[in-house]
Structures are given as structure tokens and as C-alpha cells.
Amino acid sequence: MKVNFPKDFIANFFSLARIVFTRSYIELKKSPSLLLFSLIMSVSLWVFVTDNENPMITETFPVSINVQPVNIGPELAVANRIDKVQLRVSTTQEKLESLQSKNFNAFVDLNGLGAREQDVSVRVDVQNIRGVKVIEILPPKVTVNLENLLEKQVNVEYRAIGSPPLGYKLGEINPQNNIANIAGPASLIGLVQSVAADINITGLTVSLEQSFNVTPRGTGGSEIQGISVNPESIFFDIEIIKTDYVKTVPLEINLVGEPSYGYKISGIEISPSAVKITGSINDLQNINSVVLESLEIKNRSASLSKAILIPKNDKFNVLEDQVIKATVTIVPIYGSSRTIIIPKIVDKLNRSIVFEDKFKNIDITVRGPLEVIGQISTTEIKVEIDCSELEEGQHTVTPTITLPPKVSLVSAVPNEIKIEISE
């Protein structure tokens, strides 16, 4: 909500404030001690209020701080790893939450110390932040082992990490500097066998020149710390060689023509079924099989086995020249046929033989290759009932069915017939 003041309100307010300030200044000028007292009381009041709003607390900083050696003698070197320290600090909660390790510089002053193992007091400077005080250092002293500084030259080596992609291989890696200078404490210098760089060649497809940091290495390639290396980085020439890619692919064959009527292909066997080919990765990446020379099977009714050579190809070579054996198995297609036949009666005694009243004929179904079934006639299917050995009277007999070669009986209905024999 907007408040509207009278037009002369603001003018009257500043006029009154000016009168109060003028009178207060005149009174304070008459009594300088009162002015000083007022100033002290104002500052005290401000400190009191600020302290109550954001009081000082003492806490342990949660991260251990590294201790750096300074003022090391020119002929000395630190031979051990100096322990980290914990700090108890006094500050406000707000600043404690914003504190970082980089706000503390912990160090040991080694000025004037000789070559031996000794406990040295730790000092800590607070940097880049105000209102933080270090109350306690834990531990207050750390062990520092000073040894005589030694220097020597060692060979530059490398370790290749990873591998180039398919179609490429690593050639030679040569450092442009074969020798590096190292310096450090005597006990550590004796452990160093070389300096080495870890060179990652993963994905490289071209040769290059690149700088890598080198680190002191001991027996077995373990890194040794506390040693300085000059130069710290060395250029290496890395050779990447484009190679032929090897790929295993299946063999395929094209068949020309169709088998004879009534025959079909039941299987195709290629031995061996696959071969290894070599070529550039760009050429081979889209080759998923090798197609052999065509095989003619037109009007064949028998299986075929033939030795076939792998055709030449501009995009790849076969690692081993092999003669491929291809076998195509051709089998008959089977079908069935149905016919109705009245059986032939055979009786050497020439007696009267009649069928029961309801019998008319035999329904016969046969099965065989299409080329046979398609040409079979009823005259080739013989159905007989031999009554020569039977006596007069009624009998139930099974007809004898004779079929052409390659043809088999599926069913004969009825398979038993009732007859009556009389003179």
C-alpha cells in the first residue's frame, strides 16, 4: 500500500534532524571527554552485538594438511615422507564452513639443520581469509630425515598403455632425449633405475611427436617419490603403422538350375565352412561372407560333390589358399496316390466264390517318389485272393497286394474280405 505524506513533511523532518545534530555537536564540542566516551561505547556496543550474532567457536578442521619443507640446505634433501597434521582452529561457524585446505600453509623450517633424522616443529600460516586462528597443531612436531643430496644420470624409458584400433599397430617409440638428470637423497637415488613415461596409445591412427612427464622408477617399474627430474618432461616420437585387418567370414555358394522333377535339395555342406581373409579395415568392414563359384545342378536327380576354388578378389586376400569341397544332397520328393481295385480271385479248383453283398472294391493308397507315383497305373498294382487252399464255406481273407519298385503301401480299406466258396 502506498503512503502519501504531506508535501512539507519531508522538509520539516530534515529541518528537525539538522537542529538536533547542531545542538549535539555544540554540546560534545564543549566536552571532548564526552565525545571520546561516546565513541568507545559505540564501538563496544558494535562488538558486543556482532559477537552475539556470530560467536567464535573452536573446531578441528576435518581435512589433514600436507607439511612442506622449506629452507633446505643446498647440499641436503628430505629422504622421508613427512606426515600430515590436523589443525584445531578458532573462527565463526560461517567461516568454518567455507574453510578449505588451501587456506592453510603448513611447513617446517629446515634452515641450519644437518643430515640426520630429527623432529621439527610445524608452523601454519592462514592465507586468503580473515578471522581464522590456528589454536593447536596435531602433532606439533614431525619427523624429518635429512640426507646428503646426490645427483646422477639415468636412461629414459617408456611404458605403452592401451593399443591402436583395428587396422593399426604400434611401431617404434623413441625419446628425443635418452638421458635425464635426477637429484635427491642418497638412500632414494640408489633405488632409481631409470625415468619413464606412461604413453597412452589408445585410439591412435597416425604417428606423432608429443611431450610426456617422466617419473623416477625402481626395479619392476615402481615409482619412487622424493626425487627431482630434469627435464621433467621429454618429447617422444611415436610411430603408428597401418596394417591389414584379419577377419573370419563364412563361405556361401550359388546353385544354378533346379533338380529334376520329383527331386529336391535336402542340404548343402561346405567344408571348411569359413575362411580367414585379410585386407584394409575399410574394405573388410562391409564383407560378411565370401561367395564361391557357382555349382550347376540343373536336371540332377543325384547328389553332387565337387572341389571349388575361392575366386580372386581385389579387396581381400585369403590367408591360406584352400580347396573348398561343396556337397549338394539331392533327394526324391515323395507323394501319394489313391486307386480303387477289385481283387482278383485265384482258385485252382475252379469253384464258385462270391463276396459278401456289401463288398464292392478295395480302396488302396500308396506312397513313393513323385516320378514313380506320377506314372503308376492300376495295372501295376496287383491285388489277389488265393483260395486254392481253402475249403468250401465262408471265410475272412486278407488280399495279397503287390506294388511296383520304390512304392510302398499306405493303406488298404478294407484289409479283410468275407467270401463264400461252393461247388
Protein backbone atom coordinates (compact mmCIF):
# COMPACT_ATOMS: atom_id res chain seq x y z
CA MET A 1 0.00 0.00 0.00
CA LYS A 2 1.44 3.40 -0.96
CA VAL A 3 1.54 6.07 1.81
CA ASN A 4 1.18 9.71 0.79
CA PHE A 5 2.97 12.18 3.11
CA PRO A 6 2.10 15.89 3.25
CA LYS A 7 4.24 17.96 0.94
CA ASP A 8 6.01 19.76 3.84
CA PHE A 9 6.59 16.54 5.92
CA ILE A 10 9.98 15.65 4.48
CA ALA A 11 11.18 19.24 4.64
CA ASN A 12 10.15 19.51 8.30
CA PHE A 13 11.85 16.13 9.12
CA PHE A 14 15.24 17.18 7.74
CA SER A 15 14.94 20.58 9.42
CA LEU A 16 14.38 18.90 12.78
CA ALA A 17 17.29 16.46 12.23
CA ARG A 18 19.61 19.33 11.38
CA ILE A 19 18.64 21.17 14.62
CA VAL A 20 19.27 18.01 16.75
CA PHE A 21 22.67 17.37 15.12
CA THR A 22 23.73 21.02 15.55
CA ARG A 23 22.86 21.09 19.23
CA SER A 24 24.52 17.68 19.88
CA TYR A 25 27.69 18.80 18.13
CA ILE A 26 27.85 22.02 20.18
CA GLU A 27 27.44 20.09 23.43
CA LEU A 28 30.05 17.46 22.50
CA LYS A 29 32.47 20.19 21.43
CA LYS A 30 32.17 21.80 24.86
CA SER A 31 33.10 18.40 26.47
CA PRO A 32 35.72 16.37 24.46
CA SER A 33 35.78 13.62 27.08
CA LEU A 34 32.10 13.03 26.49
CA LEU A 35 32.84 12.68 22.74
CA LEU A 36 35.55 10.05 23.40
CA PHE A 37 33.33 8.19 25.81
CA SER A 38 30.51 8.07 23.29
CA LEU A 39 32.87 6.72 20.61
CA ILE A 40 34.18 3.95 22.91
CA MET A 41 30.66 2.97 23.92
CA SER A 42 29.56 2.82 20.27
CA VAL A 43 32.45 0.51 19.29
CA SER A 44 31.90 -1.73 22.33
CA LEU A 45 28.22 -1.96 21.55
CA TRP A 46 29.00 -2.92 17.93
CA VAL A 47 31.49 -5.63 19.04
CA PHE A 48 29.01 -6.99 21.58
CA VAL A 49 26.18 -7.19 19.10
CA THR A 50 28.38 -8.76 16.38
CA ASP A 51 29.82 -11.35 18.78
CA ASN A 52 26.39 -12.42 19.94
CA GLU A 53 25.08 -12.77 16.40
CA ASN A 54 28.07 -14.84 15.11
CA PRO A 55 30.07 -16.18 18.11
CA MET A 56 33.58 -17.69 17.84
CA ILE A 57 33.86 -21.49 18.02
CA THR A 58 36.80 -23.90 18.22
CA GLU A 59 36.71 -26.97 15.97
CA THR A 60 39.09 -29.48 14.37
CA PHE A 61 39.46 -28.85 10.64
CA PRO A 62 38.20 -32.11 9.03
CA VAL A 63 40.97 -32.47 6.40
CA SER A 64 44.58 -33.36 7.15
CA ILE A 65 47.09 -30.77 5.90
CA ASN A 66 50.30 -31.56 3.99
CA VAL A 67 53.50 -30.24 5.54
CA GLN A 68 56.06 -28.71 3.18
CA PRO A 69 59.79 -28.47 3.97
CA VAL A 70 61.35 -25.02 3.41
CA ASN A 71 64.86 -23.60 3.62
CA ILE A 72 66.56 -26.92 2.88
CA GLY A 73 70.33 -26.66 2.73
CA PRO A 74 71.79 -26.70 -0.80
CA GLU A 75 73.62 -29.99 -0.18
CA LEU A 76 70.70 -31.74 1.58
CA ALA A 77 67.44 -33.44 0.63
CA VAL A 78 64.45 -34.82 2.55
CA ALA A 79 64.55 -38.62 2.45
CA ASN A 80 61.21 -39.44 4.07
CA ARG A 81 57.56 -38.66 3.52
CA ILE A 82 56.54 -36.03 6.08
CA ASP A 83 53.38 -36.85 8.00
CA LYS A 84 50.26 -34.72 7.59
CA VAL A 85 48.88 -32.72 10.53
CA GLN A 86 45.45 -31.92 11.94
CA LEU A 87 44.53 -28.35 12.91
CA ARG A 88 42.23 -27.01 15.62
CA VAL A 89 41.01 -23.58 14.61
CA SER A 90 39.01 -20.78 16.20
CA THR A 91 36.59 -18.93 13.95
CA THR A 92 32.90 -18.36 13.33
CA GLN A 93 30.56 -21.08 12.11
CA GLU A 94 30.09 -19.24 8.85
CA LYS A 95 33.82 -19.07 8.08
CA LEU A 96 34.41 -22.63 9.30
CA GLU A 97 32.02 -23.89 6.66
CA SER A 98 33.89 -22.02 3.93
CA LEU A 99 37.40 -23.07 5.01
CA GLN A 100 39.46 -25.16 2.55
CA SER A 101 42.84 -26.90 2.71
CA LYS A 102 44.37 -24.20 0.51
CA ASN A 103 43.69 -21.65 3.29
CA PHE A 104 46.46 -23.27 5.37
CA ASN A 105 50.16 -23.33 4.59
CA ALA A 106 51.82 -25.86 6.92
CA PHE A 107 55.62 -26.04 6.80
CA VAL A 108 58.77 -27.00 8.67
CA ASP A 109 61.73 -24.60 8.59
CA LEU A 110 64.89 -26.67 7.99
CA ASN A 111 67.29 -23.74 7.98
CA GLY A 112 70.56 -24.68 9.66
CA LEU A 113 69.64 -28.37 10.20
CA GLY A 114 72.16 -31.09 9.31
CA ALA A 115 71.97 -34.50 7.66
CA ARG A 116 70.18 -36.66 10.22
CA GLU A 117 66.72 -37.70 11.37
CA GLN A 118 65.11 -35.13 13.67
CA ASP A 119 61.77 -33.84 14.97
CA VAL A 120 60.93 -30.35 13.73
CA SER A 121 58.14 -28.03 14.88
CA VAL A 122 55.33 -27.40 12.40
CA ARG A 123 54.21 -23.88 11.64
CA VAL A 124 50.99 -22.90 9.93
CA ASP A 125 50.06 -19.69 8.15
CA VAL A 126 46.43 -18.84 7.43
CA GLN A 127 46.06 -17.31 3.99
CA ASN A 128 43.35 -15.69 1.89
CA ILE A 129 40.85 -15.48 4.76
CA ARG A 130 40.44 -13.28 7.88
CA GLY A 131 39.09 -14.12 11.31
CA VAL A 132 40.61 -17.64 11.49
CA LYS A 133 43.19 -18.54 14.13
CA VAL A 134 45.09 -21.83 14.48
CA ILE A 135 44.79 -22.88 18.13
CA GLU A 136 46.61 -26.23 18.02
CA ILE A 137 48.67 -28.33 15.58
CA LEU A 138 48.47 -32.12 15.94
CA PRO A 139 51.15 -33.36 16.15
CA PRO A 140 53.12 -30.20 16.91
CA LYS A 141 56.33 -31.80 15.52
CA VAL A 142 57.02 -34.13 12.62
CA THR A 143 59.99 -36.33 11.82
CA VAL A 144 62.23 -35.10 9.01
CA ASN A 145 65.11 -37.24 7.74
CA LEU A 146 67.72 -35.11 6.00
CA GLU A 147 70.34 -36.80 3.84
CA ASN A 148 73.12 -35.62 1.59
CA LEU A 149 71.87 -34.58 -1.85
CA LEU A 150 73.13 -36.79 -4.70
CA GLU A 151 72.77 -36.42 -8.45
CA LYS A 152 73.11 -38.93 -11.28
CA GLN A 153 72.06 -39.60 -14.86
CA VAL A 154 69.65 -42.38 -15.82
CA ASN A 155 68.15 -43.73 -19.03
CA VAL A 156 64.77 -42.55 -20.32
CA GLU A 157 62.25 -45.35 -20.85
CA TYR A 158 58.53 -45.63 -21.58
CA ARG A 159 55.54 -47.85 -20.98
CA ALA A 160 52.87 -48.07 -23.72
CA ILE A 161 49.32 -48.16 -22.39
CA GLY A 162 46.41 -49.41 -24.50
CA SER A 163 46.54 -50.25 -28.19
CA PRO A 164 45.66 -48.66 -31.55
CA PRO A 165 42.32 -49.55 -33.17
CA LEU A 166 41.87 -52.45 -35.58
CA GLY A 167 43.88 -51.99 -38.74
CA TYR A 168 46.75 -50.22 -36.96
CA LYS A 169 49.69 -51.30 -34.86
CA LEU A 170 52.37 -49.63 -32.75
CA GLY A 171 55.74 -49.24 -34.41
CA GLU A 172 58.70 -47.73 -32.52
CA ILE A 173 58.64 -45.23 -29.66
CA ASN A 174 61.84 -43.20 -29.31
CA PRO A 175 62.60 -40.48 -26.75
CA GLN A 176 64.25 -37.37 -28.15
CA ASN A 177 66.45 -37.31 -25.01
CA ASN A 178 67.85 -40.66 -23.94
CA ILE A 179 69.32 -39.40 -20.66
CA ALA A 180 67.76 -37.45 -17.75
CA ASN A 181 69.32 -35.96 -14.60
CA ILE A 182 67.88 -36.87 -11.21
CA ALA A 183 68.63 -35.43 -7.76
CA GLY A 184 67.57 -36.48 -4.28
CA PRO A 185 68.59 -38.09 -1.00
CA ALA A 186 71.27 -40.73 -1.22
CA SER A 187 69.07 -43.58 0.04
CA LEU A 188 66.48 -42.93 -2.69
CA ILE A 189 68.86 -42.16 -5.53
CA GLY A 190 70.30 -45.65 -5.16
CA LEU A 191 66.88 -47.17 -5.84
CA VAL A 192 66.28 -45.37 -9.13
CA GLN A 193 67.00 -47.42 -12.25
CA SER A 194 65.51 -45.08 -14.86
CA VAL A 195 62.91 -42.41 -15.52
CA ALA A 196 59.88 -43.46 -17.54
CA ALA A 197 56.78 -42.02 -19.17
CA ASP A 198 53.37 -43.67 -19.43
CA ILE A 199 52.33 -43.23 -23.07
CA ASN A 200 48.68 -43.86 -23.86
CA ILE A 201 48.35 -45.04 -27.47
CA THR A 202 44.67 -45.99 -27.29
CA GLY A 203 42.88 -44.92 -30.48
CA LEU A 204 45.97 -43.55 -32.24
CA THR A 205 45.88 -43.86 -36.05
CA VAL A 206 48.73 -41.50 -37.01
CA SER A 207 52.35 -41.11 -35.93
CA LEU A 208 53.07 -38.10 -33.74
CA GLU A 209 55.54 -36.25 -31.55
CA GLN A 210 54.35 -35.48 -28.03
CA SER A 211 55.74 -34.44 -24.65
CA PHE A 212 55.19 -36.66 -21.60
CA ASN A 213 56.12 -36.25 -17.93
CA VAL A 214 58.74 -38.71 -16.73
CA THR A 215 58.96 -40.11 -13.20
CA PRO A 216 61.73 -42.00 -11.39
CA ARG A 217 61.24 -45.78 -11.50
CA GLY A 218 62.85 -48.52 -9.48
CA THR A 219 63.19 -52.26 -10.06
CA GLY A 220 59.98 -53.64 -11.54
CA GLY A 221 58.82 -50.20 -12.69
CA SER A 222 57.62 -48.96 -9.30
CA GLU A 223 57.52 -45.17 -8.93
CA ILE A 224 59.95 -43.62 -6.42
CA GLN A 225 58.87 -40.32 -4.89
CA GLY A 226 61.05 -37.62 -3.38
CA ILE A 227 63.32 -37.40 -6.43
CA SER A 228 63.51 -34.41 -8.78
CA VAL A 229 63.96 -34.97 -12.52
CA ASN A 230 65.50 -32.61 -15.06
CA PRO A 231 63.92 -32.22 -17.55
CA GLU A 232 60.52 -33.04 -16.05
CA SER A 233 59.00 -33.83 -19.47
CA ILE A 234 60.51 -35.31 -22.63
CA PHE A 235 59.32 -35.45 -26.23
CA PHE A 236 58.75 -38.91 -27.70
CA ASP A 237 58.40 -39.89 -31.36
CA ILE A 238 55.52 -42.38 -31.62
CA GLU A 239 55.17 -44.46 -34.79
CA ILE A 240 51.76 -45.87 -35.75
CA ILE A 241 51.68 -48.33 -38.68
CA LYS A 242 48.61 -49.09 -40.77
CA THR A 243 48.17 -52.85 -41.08
CA ASP A 244 45.91 -55.29 -42.84
CA TYR A 245 42.91 -56.42 -40.84
CA VAL A 246 42.19 -60.14 -40.45
CA LYS A 247 38.59 -61.30 -40.47
CA THR A 248 36.91 -64.72 -40.42
CA VAL A 249 33.91 -64.95 -42.74
CA PRO A 250 31.57 -67.80 -43.74
CA LEU A 251 31.53 -69.30 -47.24
CA GLU A 252 28.49 -69.27 -49.49
CA ILE A 253 27.75 -70.95 -52.82
CA ASN A 254 25.35 -70.15 -55.65
CA LEU A 255 23.47 -73.04 -57.23
CA VAL A 256 22.47 -72.79 -60.90
CA GLY A 257 19.32 -74.54 -62.08
CA GLU A 258 16.86 -76.87 -60.39
CA PRO A 259 16.92 -80.64 -59.79
CA SER A 260 14.85 -82.94 -61.98
CA TYR A 261 11.09 -83.15 -61.50
CA GLY A 262 10.34 -85.07 -58.35
CA TYR A 263 13.63 -84.18 -56.65
CA LYS A 264 14.69 -81.51 -54.21
CA ILE A 265 17.78 -80.20 -52.39
CA SER A 266 17.84 -81.50 -48.83
CA GLY A 267 21.16 -79.96 -47.76
CA ILE A 268 24.27 -78.02 -48.78
CA GLU A 269 27.57 -78.67 -47.00
CA ILE A 270 30.71 -76.56 -47.48
CA SER A 271 33.98 -77.75 -45.95
CA PRO A 272 35.61 -75.78 -44.46
CA SER A 273 32.61 -73.55 -43.75
CA ALA A 274 34.65 -70.34 -43.16
CA VAL A 275 37.99 -68.80 -44.14
CA LYS A 276 40.25 -66.03 -42.86
CA ILE A 277 40.69 -63.06 -45.17
CA THR A 278 42.98 -60.06 -44.85
CA GLY A 279 42.79 -56.51 -46.20
CA SER A 280 42.27 -52.92 -45.12
CA ILE A 281 39.66 -52.36 -42.43
CA ASN A 282 37.75 -50.05 -44.77
CA ASP A 283 37.45 -52.80 -47.39
CA LEU A 284 36.65 -55.63 -44.99
CA GLN A 285 34.12 -53.92 -42.74
CA ASN A 286 31.33 -54.46 -45.29
CA ILE A 287 32.35 -58.01 -46.30
CA ASN A 288 30.27 -60.51 -44.32
CA SER A 289 30.82 -63.62 -46.47
CA VAL A 290 32.77 -65.00 -49.44
CA VAL A 291 30.75 -66.37 -52.35
CA LEU A 292 32.26 -69.36 -54.15
CA GLU A 293 32.00 -70.21 -57.83
CA SER A 294 28.54 -71.33 -58.98
CA LEU A 295 27.61 -75.02 -58.99
CA GLU A 296 25.41 -76.48 -61.76
CA ILE A 297 22.59 -78.78 -60.55
CA LYS A 298 20.14 -78.45 -63.46
CA ASN A 299 18.05 -81.61 -64.00
CA ARG A 300 20.09 -83.58 -61.49
CA SER A 301 18.46 -86.46 -59.61
CA ALA A 302 21.52 -87.48 -57.60
CA SER A 303 23.69 -85.75 -55.02
CA LEU A 304 26.76 -83.82 -56.16
CA SER A 305 30.16 -83.28 -54.52
CA LYS A 306 32.79 -81.02 -56.09
CA ALA A 307 36.04 -79.21 -55.22
CA ILE A 308 35.79 -75.43 -55.74
CA LEU A 309 38.45 -72.73 -55.60
CA ILE A 310 37.88 -69.42 -53.83
CA PRO A 311 37.64 -66.72 -56.52
CA LYS A 312 40.15 -63.84 -56.56
CA ASN A 313 39.04 -60.50 -55.12
CA ASP A 314 40.65 -57.06 -55.31
CA LYS A 315 39.53 -56.09 -51.80
CA PHE A 316 40.94 -59.01 -49.82
CA ASN A 317 43.31 -61.95 -49.83
CA VAL A 318 42.70 -65.39 -48.38
CA LEU A 319 45.31 -66.16 -45.74
CA GLU A 320 45.57 -69.80 -46.80
CA ASP A 321 44.81 -70.99 -50.33
CA GLN A 322 42.27 -73.71 -49.75
CA VAL A 323 40.32 -76.04 -51.99
CA ILE A 324 36.75 -75.97 -50.82
CA LYS A 325 34.61 -79.10 -51.02
CA ALA A 326 30.94 -78.41 -51.69
CA THR A 327 28.36 -81.18 -51.38
CA VAL A 328 24.74 -80.77 -52.51
CA THR A 329 22.43 -83.54 -51.35
CA ILE A 330 19.52 -84.19 -53.72
CA VAL A 331 16.69 -86.49 -52.63
CA PRO A 332 13.37 -87.60 -54.17
CA ILE A 333 10.19 -85.78 -53.35
CA TYR A 334 7.64 -88.29 -52.10
CA GLY A 335 3.94 -88.22 -52.87
CA SER A 336 0.93 -90.50 -52.57
CA SER A 337 -1.72 -91.89 -54.90
CA ARG A 338 -5.13 -93.44 -54.34
CA THR A 339 -6.88 -96.01 -56.52
CA ILE A 340 -9.83 -98.41 -56.34
CA ILE A 341 -9.28 -102.03 -57.32
CA ILE A 342 -11.40 -105.17 -57.34
CA PRO A 343 -9.23 -108.07 -56.19
CA LYS A 344 -8.50 -110.99 -58.50
CA ILE A 345 -9.69 -114.41 -57.28
CA VAL A 346 -7.26 -117.33 -57.71
CA ASP A 347 -8.62 -120.86 -57.23
CA LYS A 348 -7.00 -123.91 -58.79
CA LEU A 349 -10.21 -125.95 -58.17
CA ASN A 350 -12.36 -123.57 -60.19
CA ARG A 351 -15.07 -123.41 -57.55
CA SER A 352 -17.76 -120.81 -57.15
CA ILE A 353 -16.52 -117.93 -55.00
CA VAL A 354 -18.64 -114.91 -54.17
CA PHE A 355 -18.06 -111.81 -51.99
CA GLU A 356 -20.43 -110.74 -49.28
CA ASP A 357 -23.20 -108.48 -50.53
CA LYS A 358 -21.86 -105.16 -49.17
CA PHE A 359 -18.33 -105.54 -50.62
CA LYS A 360 -17.64 -103.65 -53.85
CA ASN A 361 -13.87 -102.93 -54.09
CA ILE A 362 -10.64 -102.16 -52.17
CA ASP A 363 -9.56 -98.51 -51.68
CA ILE A 364 -5.74 -98.52 -51.91
CA THR A 365 -3.36 -95.62 -51.08
CA VAL A 366 0.32 -95.91 -51.99
CA ARG A 367 3.37 -93.65 -51.49
CA GLY A 368 6.60 -93.21 -53.45
CA PRO A 369 8.79 -90.78 -55.40
CA LEU A 370 6.84 -88.32 -57.50
CA GLU A 371 8.45 -89.52 -60.70
CA VAL A 372 7.13 -93.05 -59.98
CA ILE A 373 3.80 -92.13 -58.41
CA GLY A 374 3.03 -89.74 -61.24
CA GLN A 375 3.31 -92.52 -63.83
CA ILE A 376 1.90 -95.51 -61.96
CA SER A 377 -1.16 -97.27 -63.42
CA THR A 378 -3.73 -99.58 -61.85
CA THR A 379 -2.33 -102.48 -63.83
CA GLU A 380 0.92 -102.22 -61.90
CA ILE A 381 -0.87 -102.71 -58.58
CA LYS A 382 -1.90 -106.34 -58.22
CA VAL A 383 -4.49 -107.40 -55.61
CA GLU A 384 -5.21 -111.15 -55.36
CA ILE A 385 -7.08 -113.56 -53.11
CA ASP A 386 -5.73 -117.11 -53.34
CA CYS A 387 -8.46 -119.57 -52.32
CA SER A 388 -6.73 -122.72 -53.58
CA GLU A 389 -6.01 -123.99 -50.07
CA LEU A 390 -9.36 -123.02 -48.59
CA GLU A 391 -12.26 -125.46 -48.05
CA GLU A 392 -15.84 -124.85 -49.01
CA GLY A 393 -17.78 -122.45 -46.83
CA GLN A 394 -17.44 -118.91 -45.58
CA HIS A 395 -14.03 -117.35 -44.97
CA THR A 396 -12.46 -114.00 -43.98
CA VAL A 397 -9.36 -113.43 -46.08
CA THR A 398 -6.65 -110.76 -46.48
CA PRO A 399 -5.82 -109.84 -50.06
CA THR A 400 -2.21 -110.01 -51.25
CA ILE A 401 -1.08 -106.64 -52.67
CA THR A 402 1.93 -106.45 -55.00
CA LEU A 403 3.38 -102.97 -55.75
CA PRO A 404 5.97 -101.64 -58.26
CA PRO A 405 9.55 -100.91 -57.09
CA LYS A 406 10.04 -97.79 -54.86
CA VAL A 407 6.34 -97.76 -54.00
CA SER A 408 5.02 -98.59 -50.53
CA LEU A 409 1.54 -99.31 -49.24
CA VAL A 410 -0.05 -96.66 -47.04
CA SER A 411 -3.48 -98.25 -46.54
CA ALA A 412 -5.94 -100.78 -47.98
CA VAL A 413 -9.60 -100.48 -47.00
CA PRO A 414 -10.98 -102.93 -46.23
CA ASN A 415 -7.97 -105.04 -45.43
CA GLU A 416 -10.08 -108.14 -44.80
CA ILE A 417 -12.86 -109.51 -47.03
CA LYS A 418 -15.59 -112.11 -46.39
CA ILE A 419 -16.09 -114.72 -49.15
CA GLU A 420 -18.14 -117.88 -49.65
CA ILE A 421 -16.77 -120.92 -51.52
CA SER A 422 -19.11 -123.52 -53.04
CA GLU A 423 -19.10 -126.20 -55.80
